Amino acid sequence: MSAARVYVDTNVIIHYLHPASERGEQKAKALFLDIEQSKYVGIVSDFCRLEYLVYIKDELAMASSGNVTKKDIDLGMCDFP
């Protein structure tokens, strides 16, 4: 029997890479651990990638008074699954 496919939502990725709460971080880590252990097949959509890109751009803009370069965004995307 093959593992169930699950779509990984943007908020899970954000909690995993940029934890704001311990509970959210723990749940995200548990899901990714299940995926690593082949309990699930994790699917990340192109739309999810776009949402994360917007999140990164917003975070960088707030940290740098609105000045965000392509290089900044590329660096921010390097950890994206």
C-alpha atoms as a PDB file:
ATOM      1  CA  MET A   1       0.000   0.000   0.000  1.00  0.00           C
ATOM      2  CA  SER A   2       1.405   3.393  -0.958  1.00  0.00           C
ATOM      3  CA  ALA A   3       1.559   6.395   1.339  1.00  0.00           C
ATOM      4  CA  ALA A   4      -1.230   8.948   1.189  1.00  0.00           C
ATOM      5  CA  ARG A   5      -0.455  12.169  -0.647  1.00  0.00           C
ATOM      6  CA  VAL A   6      -0.896  15.359   1.386  1.00  0.00           C
ATOM      7  CA  TYR A   7      -0.740  18.910   0.149  1.00  0.00           C
ATOM      8  CA  VAL A   8       1.482  21.000   2.402  1.00  0.00           C
ATOM      9  CA  ASP A   9      -0.050  24.421   2.967  1.00  0.00           C
ATOM     10  CA  THR A  10       1.969  27.627   3.094  1.00  0.00           C
ATOM     11  CA  ASN A  11       1.236  28.213   6.771  1.00  0.00           C
ATOM     12  CA  VAL A  12       2.811  24.844   7.635  1.00  0.00           C
ATOM     13  CA  ILE A  13       5.972  25.790   5.759  1.00  0.00           C
ATOM     14  CA  ILE A  14       6.070  29.183   7.468  1.00  0.00           C
ATOM     15  CA  HIS A  15       5.663  27.584  10.919  1.00  0.00           C
ATOM     16  CA  TYR A  16       8.451  25.151  10.031  1.00  0.00           C
ATOM     17  CA  LEU A  17      10.948  27.668   8.632  1.00  0.00           C
ATOM     18  CA  HIS A  18       9.959  30.740  10.680  1.00  0.00           C
ATOM     19  CA  PRO A  19       8.423  29.514  13.924  1.00  0.00           C
ATOM     20  CA  ALA A  20       6.320  32.112  15.723  1.00  0.00           C
ATOM     21  CA  SER A  21       4.719  29.756  18.216  1.00  0.00           C
ATOM     22  CA  GLU A  22       5.935  26.567  19.822  1.00  0.00           C
ATOM     23  CA  ARG A  23       2.701  24.712  19.063  1.00  0.00           C
ATOM     24  CA  GLY A  24       2.753  25.624  15.367  1.00  0.00           C
ATOM     25  CA  GLU A  25       6.421  24.714  15.090  1.00  0.00           C
ATOM     26  CA  GLN A  26       5.885  21.331  16.761  1.00  0.00           C
ATOM     27  CA  LYS A  27       2.963  20.458  14.475  1.00  0.00           C
ATOM     28  CA  ALA A  28       4.886  21.493  11.348  1.00  0.00           C
ATOM     29  CA  LYS A  29       7.959  19.515  12.420  1.00  0.00           C
ATOM     30  CA  ALA A  30       5.785  16.471  13.114  1.00  0.00           C
ATOM     31  CA  LEU A  31       4.254  16.630   9.632  1.00  0.00           C
ATOM     32  CA  PHE A  32       7.630  16.977   7.920  1.00  0.00           C
ATOM     33  CA  LEU A  33       9.014  14.127  10.024  1.00  0.00           C
ATOM     34  CA  ASP A  34       6.097  11.948   8.890  1.00  0.00           C
ATOM     35  CA  ILE A  35       6.877  12.895   5.291  1.00  0.00           C
ATOM     36  CA  GLU A  36      10.576  12.079   5.774  1.00  0.00           C
ATOM     37  CA  GLN A  37       9.609   8.696   7.213  1.00  0.00           C
ATOM     38  CA  SER A  38       7.398   8.028   4.156  1.00  0.00           C
ATOM     39  CA  LYS A  39       4.151   7.977   6.131  1.00  0.00           C
ATOM     40  CA  TYR A  40       2.909  10.571   3.631  1.00  0.00           C
ATOM     41  CA  VAL A  41       4.013  11.923   0.287  1.00  0.00           C
ATOM     42  CA  GLY A  42       4.235  15.703   0.668  1.00  0.00           C
ATOM     43  CA  ILE A  43       3.050  17.834  -2.244  1.00  0.00           C
ATOM     44  CA  VAL A  44       3.873  21.542  -2.452  1.00  0.00           C
ATOM     45  CA  SER A  45       1.937  23.387  -5.147  1.00  0.00           C
ATOM     46  CA  ASP A  46       3.184  26.221  -7.330  1.00  0.00           C
ATOM     47  CA  PHE A  47       0.574  28.424  -5.649  1.00  0.00           C
ATOM     48  CA  CYS A  48       2.058  27.575  -2.242  1.00  0.00           C
ATOM     49  CA  ARG A  49       5.482  28.563  -3.555  1.00  0.00           C
ATOM     50  CA  LEU A  50       4.044  31.885  -4.755  1.00  0.00           C
ATOM     51  CA  GLU A  51       2.387  32.530  -1.375  1.00  0.00           C
ATOM     52  CA  TYR A  52       5.676  31.832   0.404  1.00  0.00           C
ATOM     53  CA  LEU A  53       7.484  34.154  -1.999  1.00  0.00           C
ATOM     54  CA  VAL A  54       5.056  36.954  -1.075  1.00  0.00           C
ATOM     55  CA  TYR A  55       5.587  36.186   2.622  1.00  0.00           C
ATOM     56  CA  ILE A  56       9.376  36.401   2.213  1.00  0.00           C
ATOM     57  CA  LYS A  57       9.125  39.624   0.226  1.00  0.00           C
ATOM     58  CA  ASP A  58       6.884  41.201   2.884  1.00  0.00           C
ATOM     59  CA  GLU A  59       9.179  40.128   5.717  1.00  0.00           C
ATOM     60  CA  LEU A  60      12.253  41.445   3.925  1.00  0.00           C
ATOM     61  CA  ALA A  61      10.506  44.713   3.072  1.00  0.00           C
ATOM     62  CA  MET A  62       9.573  45.285   6.710  1.00  0.00           C
ATOM     63  CA  ALA A  63      13.134  44.547   7.815  1.00  0.00           C
ATOM     64  CA  SER A  64      14.773  46.751   5.186  1.00  0.00           C
ATOM     65  CA  SER A  65      12.429  49.744   4.859  1.00  0.00           C
ATOM     66  CA  GLY A  66      10.909  48.405   1.651  1.00  0.00           C
ATOM     67  CA  ASN A  67      14.107  47.852  -0.299  1.00  0.00           C
ATOM     68  CA  VAL A  68      14.065  44.236  -1.498  1.00  0.00           C
ATOM     69  CA  THR A  69      16.292  42.959  -4.280  1.00  0.00           C
ATOM     70  CA  LYS A  70      15.957  39.801  -6.348  1.00  0.00           C
ATOM     71  CA  LYS A  71      19.061  38.485  -4.588  1.00  0.00           C
ATOM     72  CA  ASP A  72      17.357  39.039  -1.204  1.00  0.00           C
ATOM     73  CA  ILE A  73      14.316  37.087  -2.360  1.00  0.00           C
ATOM     74  CA  ASP A  74      16.438  34.290  -3.851  1.00  0.00           C
ATOM     75  CA  LEU A  75      18.269  33.934  -0.527  1.00  0.00           C
ATOM     76  CA  GLY A  76      14.975  33.891   1.322  1.00  0.00           C
ATOM     77  CA  MET A  77      13.691  31.124  -0.936  1.00  0.00           C
ATOM     78  CA  CYS A  78      16.733  28.872  -0.524  1.00  0.00           C
ATOM     79  CA  ASP A  79      15.140  26.875   2.341  1.00  0.00           C
ATOM     80  CA  PHE A  80      11.786  26.428   0.614  1.00  0.00           C
ATOM     81  CA  PRO A  81      10.998  22.730   0.190  1.00  0.00           C
END
